[in-house]
Amino acid sequence: MDDWLDINADPAHVRRERERARELRKTDWWKARIAAGKCHYCGRVVGAGALTLDHVIPVARGGKSVKSNCVPCCKECNNRKKAYTPAEQILDKLFPG
């Protein structure tokens, strides 16, 4: 995907949601989610220690740190996803380049 996104995220929203994500990572719910060690996007088993919390709808694009928007993700998928929404990811697969 081209780097054409002009994201003007509200700094207060980003700060608040990142703090909520830090708190969410401390919960038993999150520990159970990463226990299998499986990436949400590619499905590879990389181990719980290699997974990060990823927001399906990025915080910079208005996403929130709620259970329904947070998934375990490997570093490679997290780097590839950047701040793209699920719709943009699908469009990139359909129309690469």
PDB file of N, CA and C in Angstrom:
ATOM      1  N   MET A   1       0.830  -1.180   0.000  1.00  0.00           N
ATOM      2  CA  MET A   1       0.000   0.000   0.000  1.00  0.00           C
ATOM      3  C   MET A   1       0.876   1.245   0.000  1.00  0.00           C
ATOM      4  N   ASP A   2       0.386   2.232  -0.657  1.00  0.00           N
ATOM      5  CA  ASP A   2       1.107   3.499  -0.667  1.00  0.00           C
ATOM      6  C   ASP A   2       0.941   4.195   0.674  1.00  0.00           C
ATOM      7  N   ASP A   3       1.901   5.013   1.006  1.00  0.00           N
ATOM      8  CA  ASP A   3       1.829   5.778   2.254  1.00  0.00           C
ATOM      9  C   ASP A   3       1.155   7.116   1.994  1.00  0.00           C
ATOM     10  N   TRP A   4      -0.106   7.096   1.627  1.00  0.00           N
ATOM     11  CA  TRP A   4      -0.862   8.295   1.292  1.00  0.00           C
ATOM     12  C   TRP A   4      -1.737   8.770   2.440  1.00  0.00           C
ATOM     13  N   LEU A   5      -1.787   8.012   3.508  1.00  0.00           N
ATOM     14  CA  LEU A   5      -2.686   8.356   4.608  1.00  0.00           C
ATOM     15  C   LEU A   5      -2.260   9.646   5.292  1.00  0.00           C
ATOM     16  N   ASP A   6      -3.188  10.556   5.402  1.00  0.00           N
ATOM     17  CA  ASP A   6      -2.964  11.790   6.143  1.00  0.00           C
ATOM     18  C   ASP A   6      -3.782  11.679   7.425  1.00  0.00           C
ATOM     19  N   ILE A   7      -3.136  11.203   8.474  1.00  0.00           N
ATOM     20  CA  ILE A   7      -3.838  10.942   9.736  1.00  0.00           C
ATOM     21  C   ILE A   7      -3.570  12.091  10.697  1.00  0.00           C
ATOM     22  N   ASN A   8      -4.622  12.763  11.059  1.00  0.00           N
ATOM     23  CA  ASN A   8      -4.535  13.835  12.054  1.00  0.00           C
ATOM     24  C   ASN A   8      -5.286  13.373  13.301  1.00  0.00           C
ATOM     25  N   ALA A   9      -4.673  12.458  14.009  1.00  0.00           N
ATOM     26  CA  ALA A   9      -5.313  11.880  15.189  1.00  0.00           C
ATOM     27  C   ALA A   9      -5.331  12.882  16.338  1.00  0.00           C
ATOM     28  N   ASP A  10      -6.380  12.808  17.126  1.00  0.00           N
ATOM     29  CA  ASP A  10      -6.491  13.635  18.320  1.00  0.00           C
ATOM     30  C   ASP A  10      -5.516  13.098  19.369  1.00  0.00           C
ATOM     31  N   PRO A  11      -4.519  13.879  19.749  1.00  0.00           N
ATOM     32  CA  PRO A  11      -3.519  13.383  20.711  1.00  0.00           C
ATOM     33  C   PRO A  11      -4.123  12.925  22.039  1.00  0.00           C
ATOM     34  N   ALA A  12      -5.166  13.582  22.499  1.00  0.00           N
ATOM     35  CA  ALA A  12      -5.802  13.196  23.768  1.00  0.00           C
ATOM     36  C   ALA A  12      -6.456  11.831  23.637  1.00  0.00           C
ATOM     37  N   HIS A  13      -7.112  11.575  22.501  1.00  0.00           N
ATOM     38  CA  HIS A  13      -7.746  10.272  22.253  1.00  0.00           C
ATOM     39  C   HIS A  13      -6.685   9.170  22.204  1.00  0.00           C
ATOM     40  N   VAL A  14      -5.611   9.410  21.471  1.00  0.00           N
ATOM     41  CA  VAL A  14      -4.542   8.415  21.337  1.00  0.00           C
ATOM     42  C   VAL A  14      -3.929   8.108  22.696  1.00  0.00           C
ATOM     43  N   ARG A  15      -3.635   9.119  23.474  1.00  0.00           N
ATOM     44  CA  ARG A  15      -3.030   8.933  24.805  1.00  0.00           C
ATOM     45  C   ARG A  15      -3.963   8.135  25.715  1.00  0.00           C
ATOM     46  N   ARG A  16      -5.243   8.502  25.723  1.00  0.00           N
ATOM     47  CA  ARG A  16      -6.238   7.821  26.566  1.00  0.00           C
ATOM     48  C   ARG A  16      -6.386   6.354  26.168  1.00  0.00           C
ATOM     49  N   GLU A  17      -6.470   6.072  24.876  1.00  0.00           N
ATOM     50  CA  GLU A  17      -6.669   4.694  24.422  1.00  0.00           C
ATOM     51  C   GLU A  17      -5.417   3.843  24.600  1.00  0.00           C
ATOM     52  N   ARG A  18      -4.262   4.419  24.463  1.00  0.00           N
ATOM     53  CA  ARG A  18      -3.026   3.656  24.708  1.00  0.00           C
ATOM     54  C   ARG A  18      -2.894   3.295  26.176  1.00  0.00           C
ATOM     55  N   GLU A  19      -3.323   4.185  27.049  1.00  0.00           N
ATOM     56  CA  GLU A  19      -3.325   3.883  28.489  1.00  0.00           C
ATOM     57  C   GLU A  19      -4.307   2.753  28.783  1.00  0.00           C
ATOM     58  N   ARG A  20      -5.486   2.795  28.161  1.00  0.00           N
ATOM     59  CA  ARG A  20      -6.457   1.713  28.332  1.00  0.00           C
ATOM     60  C   ARG A  20      -5.890   0.389  27.817  1.00  0.00           C
ATOM     61  N   ALA A  21      -5.147   0.423  26.722  1.00  0.00           N
ATOM     62  CA  ALA A  21      -4.539  -0.792  26.171  1.00  0.00           C
ATOM     63  C   ALA A  21      -3.503  -1.361  27.140  1.00  0.00           C
ATOM     64  N   ARG A  22      -2.723  -0.487  27.772  1.00  0.00           N
ATOM     65  CA  ARG A  22      -1.747  -0.958  28.772  1.00  0.00           C
ATOM     66  C   ARG A  22      -2.450  -1.673  29.920  1.00  0.00           C
ATOM     67  N   GLU A  23      -3.565  -1.121  30.358  1.00  0.00           N
ATOM     68  CA  GLU A  23      -4.336  -1.752  31.433  1.00  0.00           C
ATOM     69  C   GLU A  23      -4.947  -3.072  30.964  1.00  0.00           C
ATOM     70  N   LEU A  24      -5.427  -3.116  29.737  1.00  0.00           N
ATOM     71  CA  LEU A  24      -6.046  -4.327  29.189  1.00  0.00           C
ATOM     72  C   LEU A  24      -5.033  -5.476  29.092  1.00  0.00           C
ATOM     73  N   ARG A  25      -3.774  -5.133  28.777  1.00  0.00           N
ATOM     74  CA  ARG A  25      -2.733  -6.167  28.680  1.00  0.00           C
ATOM     75  C   ARG A  25      -2.434  -6.826  30.021  1.00  0.00           C
ATOM     76  N   LYS A  26      -2.807  -6.199  31.108  1.00  0.00           N
ATOM     77  CA  LYS A  26      -2.582  -6.757  32.447  1.00  0.00           C
ATOM     78  C   LYS A  26      -3.694  -7.707  32.886  1.00  0.00           C
ATOM     79  N   THR A  27      -4.763  -7.804  32.136  1.00  0.00           N
ATOM     80  CA  THR A  27      -5.925  -8.592  32.561  1.00  0.00           C
ATOM     81  C   THR A  27      -5.763 -10.076  32.246  1.00  0.00           C
ATOM     82  N   ASP A  28      -6.508 -10.898  32.981  1.00  0.00           N
ATOM     83  CA  ASP A  28      -6.526 -12.334  32.723  1.00  0.00           C
ATOM     84  C   ASP A  28      -7.097 -12.625  31.341  1.00  0.00           C
ATOM     85  N   TRP A  29      -8.044 -11.805  30.893  1.00  0.00           N
ATOM     86  CA  TRP A  29      -8.622 -11.990  29.555  1.00  0.00           C
ATOM     87  C   TRP A  29      -7.531 -11.928  28.487  1.00  0.00           C
ATOM     88  N   TRP A  30      -6.651 -10.929  28.563  1.00  0.00           N
ATOM     89  CA  TRP A  30      -5.596 -10.792  27.561  1.00  0.00           C
ATOM     90  C   TRP A  30      -4.586 -11.933  27.682  1.00  0.00           C
ATOM     91  N   LYS A  31      -4.245 -12.302  28.889  1.00  0.00           N
ATOM     92  CA  LYS A  31      -3.284 -13.395  29.085  1.00  0.00           C
ATOM     93  C   LYS A  31      -3.826 -14.701  28.505  1.00  0.00           C
ATOM     94  N   ALA A  32      -5.135 -14.910  28.618  1.00  0.00           N
ATOM     95  CA  ALA A  32      -5.753 -16.096  28.023  1.00  0.00           C
ATOM     96  C   ALA A  32      -5.733 -16.004  26.496  1.00  0.00           C
ATOM     97  N   ARG A  33      -5.908 -14.790  25.948  1.00  0.00           N
ATOM     98  CA  ARG A  33      -5.904 -14.605  24.492  1.00  0.00           C
ATOM     99  C   ARG A  33      -4.550 -14.947  23.880  1.00  0.00           C
ATOM    100  N   ILE A  34      -3.478 -14.583  24.560  1.00  0.00           N
ATOM    101  CA  ILE A  34      -2.152 -14.820  23.990  1.00  0.00           C
ATOM    102  C   ILE A  34      -1.577 -16.181  24.377  1.00  0.00           C
ATOM    103  N   ALA A  35      -2.229 -16.894  25.279  1.00  0.00           N
ATOM    104  CA  ALA A  35      -1.704 -18.171  25.769  1.00  0.00           C
ATOM    105  C   ALA A  35      -1.460 -19.176  24.635  1.00  0.00           C
ATOM    106  N   ALA A  36      -2.316 -19.178  23.616  1.00  0.00           N
ATOM    107  CA  ALA A  36      -2.142 -20.104  22.492  1.00  0.00           C
ATOM    108  C   ALA A  36      -0.955 -19.708  21.616  1.00  0.00           C
ATOM    109  N   GLY A  37      -0.535 -18.450  21.703  1.00  0.00           N
ATOM    110  CA  GLY A  37       0.618 -17.987  20.936  1.00  0.00           C
ATOM    111  C   GLY A  37       0.342 -17.808  19.455  1.00  0.00           C
ATOM    112  N   LYS A  38      -0.924 -17.650  19.080  1.00  0.00           N
ATOM    113  CA  LYS A  38      -1.316 -17.596  17.670  1.00  0.00           C
ATOM    114  C   LYS A  38      -1.654 -16.177  17.232  1.00  0.00           C
ATOM    115  N   CYS A  39      -1.096 -15.762  16.087  1.00  0.00           N
ATOM    116  CA  CYS A  39      -1.360 -14.443  15.520  1.00  0.00           C
ATOM    117  C   CYS A  39      -2.764 -14.409  14.916  1.00  0.00           C
ATOM    118  N   HIS A  40      -3.499 -13.351  15.183  1.00  0.00           N
ATOM    119  CA  HIS A  40      -4.862 -13.177  14.669  1.00  0.00           C
ATOM    120  C   HIS A  40      -4.873 -13.065  13.141  1.00  0.00           C
ATOM    121  N   TYR A  41      -3.880 -12.422  12.565  1.00  0.00           N
ATOM    122  CA  TYR A  41      -3.877 -12.133  11.128  1.00  0.00           C
ATOM    123  C   TYR A  41      -3.343 -13.276  10.271  1.00  0.00           C
ATOM    124  N   CYS A  42      -2.152 -13.784  10.586  1.00  0.00           N
ATOM    125  CA  CYS A  42      -1.549 -14.814   9.728  1.00  0.00           C
ATOM    126  C   CYS A  42      -1.806 -16.225  10.229  1.00  0.00           C
ATOM    127  N   GLY A  43      -2.211 -16.372  11.492  1.00  0.00           N
ATOM    128  CA  GLY A  43      -2.523 -17.686  12.032  1.00  0.00           C
ATOM    129  C   GLY A  43      -1.312 -18.489  12.474  1.00  0.00           C
ATOM    130  N   ARG A  44      -0.106 -17.934  12.315  1.00  0.00           N
ATOM    131  CA  ARG A  44       1.094 -18.651  12.749  1.00  0.00           C
ATOM    132  C   ARG A  44       1.165 -18.719  14.267  1.00  0.00           C
ATOM    133  N   VAL A  45       1.722 -19.806  14.778  1.00  0.00           N
ATOM    134  CA  VAL A  45       1.963 -19.942  16.211  1.00  0.00           C
ATOM    135  C   VAL A  45       3.388 -19.471  16.457  1.00  0.00           C
ATOM    136  N   VAL A  46       3.526 -18.329  17.134  1.00  0.00           N
ATOM    137  CA  VAL A  46       4.836 -17.735  17.370  1.00  0.00           C
ATOM    138  C   VAL A  46       5.197 -17.695  18.849  1.00  0.00           C
ATOM    139  N   GLY A  47       4.275 -18.091  19.695  1.00  0.00           N
ATOM    140  CA  GLY A  47       4.517 -18.066  21.140  1.00  0.00           C
ATOM    141  C   GLY A  47       3.968 -16.795  21.757  1.00  0.00           C
ATOM    142  N   ALA A  48       3.532 -16.919  22.980  1.00  0.00           N
ATOM    143  CA  ALA A  48       2.888 -15.792  23.670  1.00  0.00           C
ATOM    144  C   ALA A  48       3.820 -14.594  23.818  1.00  0.00           C
ATOM    145  N   GLY A  49       5.100 -14.842  24.026  1.00  0.00           N
ATOM    146  CA  GLY A  49       6.050 -13.751  24.210  1.00  0.00           C
ATOM    147  C   GLY A  49       6.303 -12.935  22.961  1.00  0.00           C
ATOM    148  N   ALA A  50       6.012 -13.494  21.797  1.00  0.00           N
ATOM    149  CA  ALA A  50       6.255 -12.805  20.529  1.00  0.00           C
ATOM    150  C   ALA A  50       5.018 -12.075  20.013  1.00  0.00           C
ATOM    151  N   LEU A  51       3.936 -12.083  20.787  1.00  0.00           N
ATOM    152  CA  LEU A  51       2.707 -11.429  20.345  1.00  0.00           C
ATOM    153  C   LEU A  51       2.556 -10.049  20.976  1.00  0.00           C
ATOM    154  N   THR A  52       1.964  -9.153  20.223  1.00  0.00           N
ATOM    155  CA  THR A  52       1.667  -7.823  20.727  1.00  0.00           C
ATOM    156  C   THR A  52       0.165  -7.603  20.643  1.00  0.00           C
ATOM    157  N   LEU A  53      -0.318  -6.592  21.346  1.00  0.00           N
ATOM    158  CA  LEU A  53      -1.719  -6.226  21.259  1.00  0.00           C
ATOM    159  C   LEU A  53      -1.871  -5.295  20.058  1.00  0.00           C
ATOM    160  N   ASP A  54      -2.765  -5.637  19.162  1.00  0.00           N
ATOM    161  CA  ASP A  54      -3.015  -4.805  17.993  1.00  0.00           C
ATOM    162  C   ASP A  54      -4.476  -4.380  17.989  1.00  0.00           C
ATOM    163  N   HIS A  55      -4.709  -3.156  17.584  1.00  0.00           N
ATOM    164  CA  HIS A  55      -6.070  -2.644  17.438  1.00  0.00           C
ATOM    165  C   HIS A  55      -6.522  -2.894  16.006  1.00  0.00           C
ATOM    166  N   VAL A  56      -7.610  -3.632  15.813  1.00  0.00           N
ATOM    167  CA  VAL A  56      -8.126  -3.921  14.480  1.00  0.00           C
ATOM    168  C   VAL A  56      -8.425  -2.600  13.766  1.00  0.00           C
ATOM    169  N   ILE A  57      -9.164  -1.721  14.415  1.00  0.00           N
ATOM    170  CA  ILE A  57      -9.331  -0.344  13.937  1.00  0.00           C
ATOM    171  C   ILE A  57      -8.299   0.469  14.703  1.00  0.00           C
ATOM    172  N   PRO A  58      -7.267   0.968  14.043  1.00  0.00           N
ATOM    173  CA  PRO A  58      -6.177   1.643  14.738  1.00  0.00           C
ATOM    174  C   PRO A  58      -6.646   2.829  15.580  1.00  0.00           C
ATOM    175  N   VAL A  59      -5.980   3.027  16.692  1.00  0.00           N
ATOM    176  CA  VAL A  59      -6.290   4.134  17.593  1.00  0.00           C
ATOM    177  C   VAL A  59      -6.132   5.462  16.848  1.00  0.00           C
ATOM    178  N   ALA A  60      -5.124   5.554  15.999  1.00  0.00           N
ATOM    179  CA  ALA A  60      -4.892   6.783  15.243  1.00  0.00           C
ATOM    180  C   ALA A  60      -6.018   7.067  14.249  1.00  0.00           C
ATOM    181  N   ARG A  61      -6.843   6.054  13.959  1.00  0.00           N
ATOM    182  CA  ARG A  61      -7.962   6.222  13.034  1.00  0.00           C
ATOM    183  C   ARG A  61      -9.291   6.239  13.772  1.00  0.00           C
ATOM    184  N   GLY A  62      -9.256   6.406  15.105  1.00  0.00           N
ATOM    185  CA  GLY A  62     -10.478   6.512  15.889  1.00  0.00           C
ATOM    186  C   GLY A  62     -10.859   5.254  16.644  1.00  0.00           C
ATOM    187  N   GLY A  63     -10.052   4.194  16.549  1.00  0.00           N
ATOM    188  CA  GLY A  63     -10.345   2.955  17.250  1.00  0.00           C
ATOM    189  C   GLY A  63     -10.226   3.104  18.757  1.00  0.00           C
ATOM    190  N   LYS A  64     -10.832   2.171  19.457  1.00  0.00           N
ATOM    191  CA  LYS A  64     -10.816   2.210  20.917  1.00  0.00           C
ATOM    192  C   LYS A  64     -10.154   0.951  21.464  1.00  0.00           C
ATOM    193  N   SER A  65      -9.676   1.039  22.689  1.00  0.00           N
ATOM    194  CA  SER A  65      -9.049  -0.088  23.368  1.00  0.00           C
ATOM    195  C   SER A  65     -10.115  -0.857  24.140  1.00  0.00           C
ATOM    196  N   VAL A  66     -10.926  -1.604  23.408  1.00  0.00           N
ATOM    197  CA  VAL A  66     -11.952  -2.466  23.981  1.00  0.00           C
ATOM    198  C   VAL A  66     -11.673  -3.886  23.517  1.00  0.00           C
ATOM    199  N   LYS A  67     -12.203  -4.866  24.232  1.00  0.00           N
ATOM    200  CA  LYS A  67     -11.913  -6.267  23.920  1.00  0.00           C
ATOM    201  C   LYS A  67     -12.239  -6.629  22.480  1.00  0.00           C
ATOM    202  N   SER A  68     -13.309  -6.080  21.938  1.00  0.00           N
ATOM    203  CA  SER A  68     -13.716  -6.434  20.579  1.00  0.00           C
ATOM    204  C   SER A  68     -12.808  -5.828  19.510  1.00  0.00           C
ATOM    205  N   ASN A  69     -11.939  -4.902  19.873  1.00  0.00           N
ATOM    206  CA  ASN A  69     -11.049  -4.261  18.904  1.00  0.00           C
ATOM    207  C   ASN A  69      -9.590  -4.639  19.106  1.00  0.00           C
ATOM    208  N   CYS A  70      -9.288  -5.462  20.099  1.00  0.00           N
ATOM    209  CA  CYS A  70      -7.908  -5.819  20.416  1.00  0.00           C
ATOM    210  C   CYS A  70      -7.657  -7.290  20.134  1.00  0.00           C
ATOM    211  N   VAL A  71      -6.594  -7.560  19.359  1.00  0.00           N
ATOM    212  CA  VAL A  71      -6.260  -8.933  18.981  1.00  0.00           C
ATOM    213  C   VAL A  71      -4.761  -9.162  19.152  1.00  0.00           C
ATOM    214  N   PRO A  72      -4.359 -10.428  19.375  1.00  0.00           N
ATOM    215  CA  PRO A  72      -2.930 -10.736  19.425  1.00  0.00           C
ATOM    216  C   PRO A  72      -2.353 -10.754  18.018  1.00  0.00           C
ATOM    217  N   CYS A  73      -1.168 -10.199  17.868  1.00  0.00           N
ATOM    218  CA  CYS A  73      -0.579 -10.035  16.543  1.00  0.00           C
ATOM    219  C   CYS A  73       0.933 -10.229  16.615  1.00  0.00           C
ATOM    220  N   CYS A  74       1.504 -10.916  15.613  1.00  0.00           N
ATOM    221  CA  CYS A  74       2.963 -11.064  15.560  1.00  0.00           C
ATOM    222  C   CYS A  74       3.580  -9.764  15.038  1.00  0.00           C
ATOM    223  N   LYS A  75       4.852  -9.585  15.263  1.00  0.00           N
ATOM    224  CA  LYS A  75       5.525  -8.347  14.885  1.00  0.00           C
ATOM    225  C   LYS A  75       5.472  -8.105  13.379  1.00  0.00           C
ATOM    226  N   GLU A  76       5.635  -9.152  12.581  1.00  0.00           N
ATOM    227  CA  GLU A  76       5.622  -8.988  11.128  1.00  0.00           C
ATOM    228  C   GLU A  76       4.268  -8.455  10.642  1.00  0.00           C
ATOM    229  N   CYS A  77       3.196  -9.037  11.138  1.00  0.00           N
ATOM    230  CA  CYS A  77       1.855  -8.583  10.741  1.00  0.00           C
ATOM    231  C   CYS A  77       1.585  -7.168  11.253  1.00  0.00           C
ATOM    232  N   ASN A  78       2.045  -6.876  12.462  1.00  0.00           N
ATOM    233  CA  ASN A  78       1.839  -5.550  13.033  1.00  0.00           C
ATOM    234  C   ASN A  78       2.558  -4.491  12.198  1.00  0.00           C
ATOM    235  N   ASN A  79       3.774  -4.786  11.768  1.00  0.00           N
ATOM    236  CA  ASN A  79       4.520  -3.847  10.937  1.00  0.00           C
ATOM    237  C   ASN A  79       3.867  -3.674   9.567  1.00  0.00           C
ATOM    238  N   ARG A  80       3.356  -4.744   9.000  1.00  0.00           N
ATOM    239  CA  ARG A  80       2.721  -4.699   7.685  1.00  0.00           C
ATOM    240  C   ARG A  80       1.392  -3.936   7.735  1.00  0.00           C
ATOM    241  N   LYS A  81       0.657  -4.088   8.825  1.00  0.00           N
ATOM    242  CA  LYS A  81      -0.670  -3.473   8.955  1.00  0.00           C
ATOM    243  C   LYS A  81      -0.600  -1.958   9.094  1.00  0.00           C
ATOM    244  N   LYS A  82       0.358  -1.464   9.821  1.00  0.00           N
ATOM    245  CA  LYS A  82       0.512  -0.038  10.097  1.00  0.00           C
ATOM    246  C   LYS A  82      -0.785   0.542  10.651  1.00  0.00           C
ATOM    247  N   ALA A  83      -1.300   1.608  10.052  1.00  0.00           N
ATOM    248  CA  ALA A  83      -2.526   2.252  10.534  1.00  0.00           C
ATOM    249  C   ALA A  83      -3.672   2.028   9.569  1.00  0.00           C
ATOM    250  N   TYR A  84      -3.657   0.889   8.882  1.00  0.00           N
ATOM    251  CA  TYR A  84      -4.698   0.592   7.909  1.00  0.00           C
ATOM    252  C   TYR A  84      -5.897  -0.089   8.565  1.00  0.00           C
ATOM    253  N   THR A  85      -7.058   0.213   8.056  1.00  0.00           N
ATOM    254  CA  THR A  85      -8.286  -0.405   8.543  1.00  0.00           C
ATOM    255  C   THR A  85      -8.468  -1.757   7.852  1.00  0.00           C
ATOM    256  N   PRO A  86      -9.342  -2.615   8.362  1.00  0.00           N
ATOM    257  CA  PRO A  86      -9.593  -3.902   7.699  1.00  0.00           C
ATOM    258  C   PRO A  86     -10.020  -3.739   6.229  1.00  0.00           C
ATOM    259  N   ALA A  87     -10.829  -2.744   5.939  1.00  0.00           N
ATOM    260  CA  ALA A  87     -11.275  -2.529   4.554  1.00  0.00           C
ATOM    261  C   ALA A  87     -10.094  -2.196   3.648  1.00  0.00           C
ATOM    262  N   GLU A  88      -9.184  -1.371   4.129  1.00  0.00           N
ATOM    263  CA  GLU A  88      -8.001  -1.020   3.335  1.00  0.00           C
ATOM    264  C   GLU A  88      -7.091  -2.222   3.128  1.00  0.00           C
ATOM    265  N   GLN A  89      -7.011  -3.107   4.123  1.00  0.00           N
ATOM    266  CA  GLN A  89      -6.207  -4.314   3.977  1.00  0.00           C
ATOM    267  C   GLN A  89      -6.786  -5.231   2.911  1.00  0.00           C
ATOM    268  N   ILE A  90      -8.110  -5.365   2.898  1.00  0.00           N
ATOM    269  CA  ILE A  90      -8.773  -6.204   1.891  1.00  0.00           C
ATOM    270  C   ILE A  90      -8.567  -5.618   0.504  1.00  0.00           C
ATOM    271  N   LEU A  91      -8.725  -4.314   0.374  1.00  0.00           N
ATOM    272  CA  LEU A  91      -8.519  -3.679  -0.927  1.00  0.00           C
ATOM    273  C   LEU A  91      -7.088  -3.873  -1.427  1.00  0.00           C
ATOM    274  N   ASP A  92      -6.123  -3.841  -0.512  1.00  0.00           N
ATOM    275  CA  ASP A  92      -4.728  -4.053  -0.899  1.00  0.00           C
ATOM    276  C   ASP A  92      -4.509  -5.477  -1.414  1.00  0.00           C
ATOM    277  N   LYS A  93      -5.193  -6.451  -0.816  1.00  0.00           N
ATOM    278  CA  LYS A  93      -5.070  -7.835  -1.287  1.00  0.00           C
ATOM    279  C   LYS A  93      -5.715  -8.000  -2.660  1.00  0.00           C
ATOM    280  N   LEU A  94      -6.839  -7.309  -2.879  1.00  0.00           N
ATOM    281  CA  LEU A  94      -7.548  -7.424  -4.157  1.00  0.00           C
ATOM    282  C   LEU A  94      -6.836  -6.665  -5.273  1.00  0.00           C
ATOM    283  N   PHE A  95      -6.261  -5.524  -4.937  1.00  0.00           N
ATOM    284  CA  PHE A  95      -5.620  -4.663  -5.916  1.00  0.00           C
ATOM    285  C   PHE A  95      -4.222  -4.281  -5.453  1.00  0.00           C
ATOM    286  N   PRO A  96      -3.269  -5.243  -5.487  1.00  0.00           N
ATOM    287  CA  PRO A  96      -1.917  -4.940  -4.996  1.00  0.00           C
ATOM    288  C   PRO A  96      -1.223  -3.917  -5.909  1.00  0.00           C
ATOM    289  N   GLY A  97      -0.312  -3.204  -5.286  1.00  0.00           N
ATOM    290  CA  GLY A  97       0.477  -2.281  -6.097  1.00  0.00           C
ATOM    291  C   GLY A  97       0.215  -0.923  -5.753  1.00  0.00           C
TER     292      GLY A  97
END
